[in-house]
Amino acid sequence: MKDLIQLAKSGLAYAGWYENAKDAIEAICVPRGWDSIRFACALSALSPRVAVKRNVSLMAALTRSEPQQGLKATWGKADRIWNDPQGMDLADDMLNVADELPPGSAFKTACFAANLTGNYEPVTLDSWMTKAMGAPLKSMSSRPWYRAGTETIQGIAEELNQTPAGIQSSIWHAYAFQNGRKTMGNFAELLLEQKWGV
């Protein structure tokens, strides 16, 4: 716990990462008449096992109706959220997962979507966060572990007077720096510099 608090404190400059991302998504969606919630959920559906820059470029390709190879499962889900007439229902279902963490669900992508839409209570626990918390990667699919991890981050957030999503971002960045990795990058800038569909 002490190590996580230290990581959080050293990464607090990145606590506003999700707020900035949400603003960028709205800046993209509003002028085009797009639904920012559907956008965030489709973007999140494309996020598993890809770097942030790739995640953003995939979402841009989706809005341009340019299917990408080798992403059958994630692309299919994102495409249904973005293009299907019932896509908003799928987006709502994803956001409900973030709030309730039901068994057998994709917790990480749901929480990521929730954070990108302005709900900063759920906690996005990806592979880097799992490592930072000293757990094996298979823990990510364990509902009890994900709940416990969420409560840990929420507790640190309360102690440091930050949002849980802000603390997750802070820890993520600090841990990435410690391990010689690049950070998530300026997500807002990555979003705004893409060539989006119409």
Protein backbone atom coordinates (compact mmCIF):
# COMPACT_ATOMS: atom_id res chain seq x y z
CA MET A 1 0.00 0.00 0.00
CA LYS A 2 2.85 2.42 0.88
CA ASP A 3 4.47 1.78 -2.49
CA LEU A 4 1.23 2.53 -4.32
CA ILE A 5 0.76 5.76 -2.36
CA GLN A 6 4.29 6.84 -3.25
CA LEU A 7 3.67 6.03 -6.90
CA ALA A 8 0.44 7.99 -6.80
CA LYS A 9 2.11 11.02 -5.25
CA SER A 10 4.97 10.99 -7.75
CA GLY A 11 2.57 10.78 -10.69
CA LEU A 12 -0.01 13.37 -9.61
CA ALA A 13 0.86 15.60 -12.56
CA TYR A 14 -1.12 13.07 -14.62
CA ALA A 15 -4.22 13.00 -12.41
CA GLY A 16 -6.20 14.99 -14.97
CA TRP A 17 -5.51 12.56 -17.84
CA TYR A 18 -9.10 11.32 -18.10
CA GLU A 19 -10.66 14.77 -17.83
CA ASN A 20 -8.44 15.96 -20.68
CA ALA A 21 -9.33 12.89 -22.73
CA LYS A 22 -13.05 13.46 -22.15
CA ASP A 23 -12.73 17.08 -23.30
CA ALA A 24 -10.88 15.98 -26.44
CA ILE A 25 -13.52 13.36 -27.25
CA GLU A 26 -16.25 15.97 -26.93
CA ALA A 27 -14.26 18.38 -29.11
CA ILE A 28 -14.19 15.70 -31.80
CA CYS A 29 -17.77 14.51 -31.44
CA VAL A 30 -19.84 17.65 -30.90
CA PRO A 31 -19.03 19.42 -34.22
CA ARG A 32 -19.70 16.18 -36.11
CA GLY A 33 -22.95 15.39 -34.35
CA TRP A 34 -21.51 12.17 -32.92
CA ASP A 35 -22.47 10.70 -29.57
CA SER A 36 -19.45 11.05 -27.29
CA ILE A 37 -20.55 8.14 -25.09
CA ARG A 38 -20.73 5.75 -28.04
CA PHE A 39 -17.36 7.08 -29.19
CA ALA A 40 -15.74 6.45 -25.79
CA CYS A 41 -17.20 2.95 -25.54
CA ALA A 42 -16.12 1.98 -29.06
CA LEU A 43 -12.65 3.38 -28.37
CA SER A 44 -12.48 1.35 -25.17
CA ALA A 45 -13.62 -1.81 -26.96
CA LEU A 46 -10.59 -1.41 -29.24
CA SER A 47 -8.14 -0.93 -26.37
CA PRO A 48 -7.22 -4.49 -25.26
CA ARG A 49 -3.63 -5.47 -25.99
CA VAL A 50 -2.79 -2.41 -28.06
CA ALA A 51 -0.73 0.69 -27.28
CA VAL A 52 -2.56 3.96 -26.75
CA LYS A 53 -1.45 5.43 -30.08
CA ARG A 54 -2.66 2.32 -31.90
CA ASN A 55 -5.93 2.41 -29.97
CA VAL A 56 -6.62 5.95 -31.17
CA SER A 57 -5.67 5.17 -34.79
CA LEU A 58 -7.99 2.16 -34.76
CA MET A 59 -10.88 4.32 -33.58
CA ALA A 60 -10.15 6.84 -36.33
CA ALA A 61 -10.21 4.00 -38.88
CA LEU A 62 -13.55 2.84 -37.49
CA THR A 63 -15.09 6.29 -38.01
CA ARG A 64 -13.76 6.23 -41.58
CA SER A 65 -15.26 2.76 -42.18
CA GLU A 66 -11.85 1.22 -42.82
CA PRO A 67 -11.85 -2.28 -41.25
CA GLN A 68 -8.52 -3.39 -39.79
CA GLN A 69 -7.07 -6.90 -40.03
CA GLY A 70 -6.35 -9.21 -37.11
CA LEU A 71 -8.81 -7.65 -34.69
CA LYS A 72 -11.92 -9.74 -35.29
CA ALA A 73 -13.27 -9.78 -31.74
CA THR A 74 -12.45 -6.26 -30.61
CA TRP A 75 -13.22 -4.70 -33.98
CA GLY A 76 -16.57 -6.47 -34.17
CA LYS A 77 -17.63 -5.22 -30.76
CA ALA A 78 -16.48 -1.66 -31.45
CA ASP A 79 -18.17 -1.68 -34.85
CA ARG A 80 -21.48 -2.77 -33.30
CA ILE A 81 -21.27 -0.02 -30.68
CA TRP A 82 -20.41 2.61 -33.30
CA ASN A 83 -22.54 1.58 -36.27
CA ASP A 84 -25.34 -0.70 -35.11
CA PRO A 85 -28.78 0.90 -34.55
CA GLN A 86 -28.68 -0.70 -31.08
CA GLY A 87 -25.16 0.53 -30.43
CA MET A 88 -26.22 2.87 -27.66
CA ASP A 89 -27.73 -0.07 -25.79
CA LEU A 90 -24.41 -1.88 -26.09
CA ALA A 91 -22.62 1.21 -24.79
CA ASP A 92 -25.00 1.43 -21.85
CA ASP A 93 -24.40 -2.24 -21.08
CA MET A 94 -20.65 -1.61 -21.06
CA LEU A 95 -21.00 1.30 -18.65
CA ASN A 96 -23.21 -0.78 -16.36
CA VAL A 97 -20.40 -3.34 -16.13
CA ALA A 98 -18.11 -0.61 -14.81
CA ASP A 99 -20.57 0.19 -12.03
CA GLU A 100 -21.50 -3.36 -11.07
CA LEU A 101 -18.51 -5.57 -12.13
CA PRO A 102 -20.72 -8.60 -12.90
CA PRO A 103 -19.05 -12.02 -13.19
CA GLY A 104 -17.53 -12.93 -16.55
CA SER A 105 -17.34 -9.39 -17.87
CA ALA A 106 -14.57 -7.35 -19.47
CA PHE A 107 -13.91 -5.18 -16.43
CA LYS A 108 -10.98 -3.17 -17.75
CA THR A 109 -12.58 -2.00 -21.01
CA ALA A 110 -15.81 -1.12 -19.22
CA CYS A 111 -14.03 0.95 -16.58
CA PHE A 112 -11.91 2.65 -19.24
CA ALA A 113 -15.09 3.64 -21.07
CA ALA A 114 -16.66 4.92 -17.87
CA ASN A 115 -13.61 7.05 -17.08
CA LEU A 116 -13.59 8.51 -20.61
CA THR A 117 -17.23 9.52 -20.24
CA GLY A 118 -16.72 11.37 -16.97
CA ASN A 119 -17.41 8.69 -14.38
CA TYR A 120 -14.22 8.76 -12.34
CA GLU A 121 -15.21 6.24 -9.63
CA PRO A 122 -14.56 2.99 -11.55
CA VAL A 123 -10.88 2.07 -11.79
CA THR A 124 -9.19 0.93 -15.00
CA LEU A 125 -6.90 -1.93 -13.96
CA ASP A 126 -4.90 -2.93 -17.03
CA SER A 127 -1.76 -5.03 -17.23
CA TRP A 128 0.50 -2.18 -16.06
CA MET A 129 -1.69 -1.44 -13.07
CA THR A 130 -1.84 -5.12 -12.21
CA LYS A 131 1.96 -5.27 -12.23
CA ALA A 132 2.18 -2.08 -10.17
CA MET A 133 -0.07 -3.71 -7.58
CA GLY A 134 2.19 -6.78 -7.46
CA ALA A 135 -0.35 -9.23 -8.85
CA PRO A 136 -0.08 -11.78 -11.68
CA LEU A 137 -1.70 -10.68 -14.95
CA LYS A 138 -4.34 -13.40 -14.74
CA SER A 139 -5.76 -11.49 -11.76
CA MET A 140 -7.31 -8.97 -14.16
CA SER A 141 -10.11 -11.40 -15.02
CA SER A 142 -10.83 -12.25 -11.39
CA ARG A 143 -13.87 -10.40 -10.12
CA PRO A 144 -12.83 -10.58 -6.40
CA TRP A 145 -9.35 -9.28 -7.23
CA TYR A 146 -10.70 -6.52 -9.47
CA ARG A 147 -13.11 -5.41 -6.73
CA ALA A 148 -10.34 -5.45 -4.13
CA GLY A 149 -8.00 -3.56 -6.46
CA THR A 150 -10.67 -0.99 -7.14
CA GLU A 151 -11.26 -0.49 -3.43
CA THR A 152 -7.53 -0.07 -2.84
CA ILE A 153 -7.26 2.68 -5.46
CA GLN A 154 -10.43 4.33 -4.21
CA GLY A 155 -8.98 4.37 -0.70
CA ILE A 156 -5.78 6.03 -1.90
CA ALA A 157 -7.86 8.53 -3.86
CA GLU A 158 -9.77 9.48 -0.72
CA GLU A 159 -6.54 9.85 1.25
CA LEU A 160 -4.99 12.10 -1.40
CA ASN A 161 -8.21 13.99 -2.20
CA GLN A 162 -8.27 12.89 -5.83
CA THR A 163 -10.65 10.89 -8.00
CA PRO A 164 -10.02 7.14 -8.27
CA ALA A 165 -9.45 7.52 -12.03
CA GLY A 166 -6.97 10.31 -11.36
CA ILE A 167 -5.06 8.12 -8.90
CA GLN A 168 -5.04 5.22 -11.37
CA SER A 169 -3.56 7.50 -14.02
CA SER A 170 -1.01 8.84 -11.55
CA ILE A 171 0.13 5.36 -10.51
CA TRP A 172 0.17 4.13 -14.12
CA HIS A 173 2.43 6.93 -15.28
CA ALA A 174 4.77 6.75 -12.30
CA TYR A 175 5.13 2.98 -12.65
CA ALA A 176 5.75 3.31 -16.40
CA PHE A 177 8.52 5.83 -15.75
CA GLN A 178 10.08 3.58 -13.10
CA ASN A 179 10.18 0.70 -15.57
CA GLY A 180 11.72 2.64 -18.41
CA ARG A 181 8.53 2.76 -20.45
CA LYS A 182 6.94 5.66 -22.22
CA THR A 183 3.83 7.01 -20.57
CA MET A 184 0.37 6.78 -22.08
CA GLY A 185 1.28 9.92 -23.96
CA ASN A 186 -0.82 12.99 -24.39
CA PHE A 187 -4.03 11.16 -25.20
CA ALA A 188 -5.92 14.39 -25.86
CA GLU A 189 -3.36 15.47 -28.46
CA LEU A 190 -3.33 12.02 -30.05
CA LEU A 191 -7.10 12.20 -30.41
CA LEU A 192 -7.19 15.71 -31.83
CA GLU A 193 -4.48 15.10 -34.45
CA GLN A 194 -6.23 12.12 -36.06
CA LYS A 195 -8.05 12.14 -39.39
CA TRP A 196 -11.61 11.36 -38.37
CA GLY A 197 -14.57 10.31 -40.49
CA VAL A 198 -17.52 12.54 -41.24
